C-alpha cells in the first residue's frame, strides 16, 4: 500500500489496479486485503486476472472489493484443458457460474494458440458457454499467442510445452473473434 498510495490519483484516472500472477488466488488472503484496501482506502477500481481454479478457497464476500474479473479459460475441452494446465476445467467453469450468481462484471480472455486452442468446434463450444453467462460478460478478448515469455521458462530450466508454437494468422484470429461475436458478445 505504501508503494501504491502515492500513485492513487494517477491510477484513478488511468483505470485502476489489476492483480494478476501467476495465479492471484494462490495468495488469497494477501490479495483480498490488498483489493479491499485499494478500493476502500484509495478509491481505486480493482480488477482480478485469474483462471478461477482456486475460487472455492474464498467466500463470496471476498469478491466485494473486486470491480472486474478478467477470466482466463484456456480451452473448452476438459482433456485438452488438463494437458495445457495440469488442472481440471470444471472449477473454472464453476467459477464462471459463481461470477454470474454474484453479478460480477467479467471479461473473458482467450489465448489463440495454433494447434491447441484454434479448433473451430472448441471455440464455438466455449463461445456458447460464455454467451450463456449473460450480461456479466462485458467483453471477450481473443489474444493471439506469442513467444515473448519463452526466456522465462529457460531461466527456470523448465521445458516449455508451447515451444515452437506459431503465432496465429490474422485470418485465424478474425475467425475466432467472429465465432464469439456471432453469439452477440462484444469482442476485441
Protein backbone atom coordinates (compact mmCIF):
# COMPACT_ATOMS: atom_id res chain seq x y z
CA UNK A 1 0.00 0.00 0.00
CA UNK A 2 2.92 2.32 0.70
CA UNK A 3 4.08 1.83 -2.89
CA UNK A 4 0.60 2.26 -4.41
CA UNK A 5 -0.75 5.18 -2.36
CA UNK A 6 1.49 7.88 -3.90
CA UNK A 7 0.15 6.93 -7.35
CA UNK A 8 -3.53 6.69 -6.36
CA UNK A 9 -4.51 9.91 -8.14
CA UNK A 10 -2.90 8.77 -11.36
CA UNK A 11 -4.31 5.25 -11.01
CA UNK A 12 -7.86 6.59 -10.55
CA UNK A 13 -7.51 8.49 -13.86
CA UNK A 14 -5.70 5.63 -15.62
CA UNK A 15 -8.32 3.00 -14.82
CA UNK A 16 -7.27 1.40 -11.54
CA UNK A 17 -5.23 -1.61 -10.49
CA UNK A 18 -5.23 -5.17 -11.80
CA UNK A 19 -3.95 -8.04 -9.66
CA UNK A 20 -2.59 -10.82 -11.85
CA UNK A 21 0.02 -13.52 -11.49
CA UNK A 22 0.76 -16.44 -11.82
CA UNK A 23 -2.49 -17.07 -10.05
CA UNK A 24 -3.58 -14.41 -7.54
CA UNK A 25 -5.85 -16.78 -5.63
CA UNK A 26 -2.78 -18.75 -4.53
CA UNK A 27 -2.28 -15.84 -2.11
CA UNK A 28 -5.96 -15.17 -1.46
CA UNK A 29 -5.61 -13.60 1.99
CA UNK A 30 -2.95 -11.14 0.87
CA UNK A 31 -4.66 -10.33 -2.43
CA UNK A 32 -8.05 -9.94 -0.76
CA UNK A 33 -6.63 -7.48 1.76
CA UNK A 34 -4.88 -5.51 -0.99
CA UNK A 35 -8.03 -5.34 -3.10
CA UNK A 36 -10.13 -4.24 -0.13
CA UNK A 37 -7.65 -1.54 0.89
CA UNK A 38 -7.10 -0.26 -2.66
CA UNK A 39 -10.85 0.02 -3.22
CA UNK A 40 -11.94 1.32 0.19
CA UNK A 41 -8.96 3.40 1.31
CA UNK A 42 -7.72 4.72 -2.03
CA UNK A 43 -10.94 4.65 -4.08
CA UNK A 44 -9.36 2.64 -6.88
CA UNK A 45 -11.13 0.49 -9.46
CA UNK A 46 -9.91 -3.08 -8.93
CA UNK A 47 -9.59 -5.98 -11.34
CA UNK A 48 -8.63 -9.60 -10.73
CA UNK A 49 -6.95 -11.56 -13.56
CA UNK A 50 -7.50 -15.26 -12.83
CA UNK A 51 -8.46 -18.64 -14.20
CA UNK A 52 -10.60 -19.03 -11.08
CA UNK A 53 -9.44 -22.57 -10.35
CA UNK A 54 -8.98 -21.79 -6.63
CA UNK A 55 -12.16 -19.74 -6.16
CA UNK A 56 -13.59 -22.21 -3.65
CA UNK A 57 -10.91 -21.15 -1.15
CA UNK A 58 -12.65 -17.80 -0.57
CA UNK A 59 -16.17 -16.81 0.39
CA UNK A 60 -18.48 -14.60 -1.65
CA UNK A 61 -17.63 -11.50 0.43
CA UNK A 62 -14.01 -11.78 -0.77
CA UNK A 63 -15.23 -10.60 -4.18
CA UNK A 64 -16.93 -7.46 -2.82
CA UNK A 65 -13.72 -5.48 -3.40
CA UNK A 66 -13.38 -6.76 -6.98
CA UNK A 67 -14.89 -4.45 -9.58
CA UNK A 68 -13.96 -6.56 -12.61
CA UNK A 69 -12.79 -10.12 -13.24
CA UNK A 70 -10.55 -10.93 -16.19
CA UNK A 71 -11.37 -14.62 -16.59
CA UNK A 72 -8.91 -16.85 -18.42
CA UNK A 73 -10.47 -20.00 -19.86
CA UNK A 74 -7.80 -21.78 -21.86
CA UNK A 75 -9.95 -24.39 -23.62
CA UNK A 76 -13.47 -25.81 -23.71
CA UNK A 77 -12.44 -29.47 -23.85
CA UNK A 78 -11.64 -30.90 -20.39
CA UNK A 79 -8.92 -33.23 -21.68
CA UNK A 80 -7.10 -30.53 -23.67
CA UNK A 81 -7.54 -28.10 -20.79
CA UNK A 82 -5.87 -30.62 -18.48
CA UNK A 83 -2.97 -31.14 -20.92
CA UNK A 84 -2.47 -27.36 -21.08
CA UNK A 85 -2.81 -26.58 -17.37
CA UNK A 86 -2.42 -29.87 -15.44
CA UNK A 87 -5.72 -28.88 -13.78
CA UNK A 88 -9.36 -29.78 -14.24
CA UNK A 89 -11.60 -27.45 -16.25
CA UNK A 90 -14.70 -27.80 -14.06
CA UNK A 91 -13.54 -25.50 -11.21
CA UNK A 92 -13.01 -22.70 -13.73
CA UNK A 93 -16.48 -23.25 -15.21
CA UNK A 94 -17.92 -23.34 -11.69
CA UNK A 95 -16.18 -20.04 -11.00
CA UNK A 96 -17.78 -18.51 -14.09
CA UNK A 97 -21.20 -19.56 -12.78
CA UNK A 98 -20.31 -18.09 -9.39
CA UNK A 99 -19.44 -14.79 -11.07
CA UNK A 100 -22.81 -14.94 -12.80
CA UNK A 101 -24.56 -15.53 -9.45
CA UNK A 102 -22.62 -12.62 -7.91
CA UNK A 103 -23.41 -10.45 -10.97
CA UNK A 104 -19.71 -9.63 -11.23
CA UNK A 105 -18.62 -7.79 -14.41
CA UNK A 106 -16.32 -10.10 -16.35
CA UNK A 107 -14.07 -10.02 -19.39
CA UNK A 108 -13.19 -13.37 -20.92
CA UNK A 109 -9.57 -13.63 -22.07
CA UNK A 110 -8.88 -16.40 -24.58
CA UNK A 111 -5.41 -17.03 -25.97
CA UNK A 112 -5.50 -18.40 -29.50
CA UNK A 113 -2.68 -20.96 -29.90
CA UNK A 114 -2.40 -22.73 -33.28
CA UNK A 115 -2.67 -26.48 -32.82
CA UNK A 116 -4.01 -26.12 -29.27
CA UNK A 117 -6.88 -23.66 -28.92
CA UNK A 118 -7.79 -22.85 -32.51
CA UNK A 119 -10.26 -25.64 -33.29
CA UNK A 120 -13.47 -24.04 -34.51
CA UNK A 121 -15.69 -26.58 -32.71
CA UNK A 122 -13.86 -25.94 -29.45
CA UNK A 123 -14.09 -22.17 -29.88
CA UNK A 124 -17.82 -22.47 -30.69
CA UNK A 125 -18.40 -24.60 -27.56
CA UNK A 126 -16.60 -22.01 -25.41
CA UNK A 127 -18.47 -19.16 -27.09
CA UNK A 128 -21.79 -20.89 -26.33
CA UNK A 129 -20.77 -21.30 -22.68
CA UNK A 130 -19.65 -17.69 -22.36
CA UNK A 131 -22.83 -16.41 -24.02
CA UNK A 132 -24.87 -18.45 -21.52
CA UNK A 133 -23.37 -16.35 -18.70
CA UNK A 134 -25.41 -13.39 -19.92
CA UNK A 135 -24.87 -9.77 -19.08
CA UNK A 136 -21.88 -10.24 -16.74
CA UNK A 137 -19.71 -10.78 -19.84
CA UNK A 138 -18.80 -7.27 -20.87
CA UNK A 139 -16.28 -8.31 -23.50
CA UNK A 140 -14.27 -11.17 -24.94
CA UNK A 141 -10.62 -10.66 -25.76
CA UNK A 142 -9.17 -13.11 -28.27
CA UNK A 143 -5.43 -12.79 -27.77
CA UNK A 144 -3.08 -14.13 -30.47
CA UNK A 145 -0.40 -16.34 -28.92
CA UNK A 146 3.21 -15.13 -28.98
CA UNK A 147 6.55 -16.46 -27.75
CA UNK A 148 7.55 -13.44 -25.62
CA UNK A 149 7.69 -15.45 -22.36
CA UNK A 150 9.90 -18.26 -23.67
CA UNK A 151 13.05 -17.00 -21.93
CA UNK A 152 11.35 -17.22 -18.52
CA UNK A 153 10.96 -20.97 -18.95
CA UNK A 154 14.60 -21.29 -19.97
CA UNK A 155 15.74 -19.24 -16.96
CA UNK A 156 13.77 -21.61 -14.71
CA UNK A 157 15.31 -24.58 -16.55
CA UNK A 158 11.85 -25.88 -17.35
CA UNK A 159 10.57 -27.47 -20.55
CA UNK A 160 8.21 -25.08 -22.32
CA UNK A 161 5.25 -27.08 -23.65
CA UNK A 162 4.41 -24.42 -26.26
CA UNK A 163 7.95 -24.03 -27.60
CA UNK A 164 7.76 -23.63 -31.34
CA UNK A 165 4.02 -22.91 -31.40
CA UNK A 166 3.41 -20.30 -34.09
CA UNK A 167 1.52 -17.04 -33.81
CA UNK A 168 -1.95 -17.44 -35.33
CA UNK A 169 -2.63 -15.83 -38.67
CA UNK A 170 -4.74 -12.68 -38.78
CA UNK A 171 -7.40 -14.74 -40.57
CA UNK A 172 -7.50 -17.37 -37.79
CA UNK A 173 -7.72 -14.65 -35.16
CA UNK A 174 -10.53 -12.93 -37.05
CA UNK A 175 -12.40 -16.24 -37.40
CA UNK A 176 -12.17 -16.91 -33.65
CA UNK A 177 -13.39 -13.40 -32.88
CA UNK A 178 -16.27 -13.84 -35.33
CA UNK A 179 -17.34 -17.04 -33.55
CA UNK A 180 -17.73 -15.16 -30.27
CA UNK A 181 -19.34 -12.15 -31.96
CA UNK A 182 -21.91 -14.42 -33.63
CA UNK A 183 -23.26 -15.12 -30.13
CA UNK A 184 -23.86 -11.42 -29.54
CA UNK A 185 -20.72 -10.95 -27.46
CA UNK A 186 -18.58 -7.79 -27.65
CA UNK A 187 -15.22 -8.94 -28.95
CA UNK A 188 -11.75 -7.40 -29.08
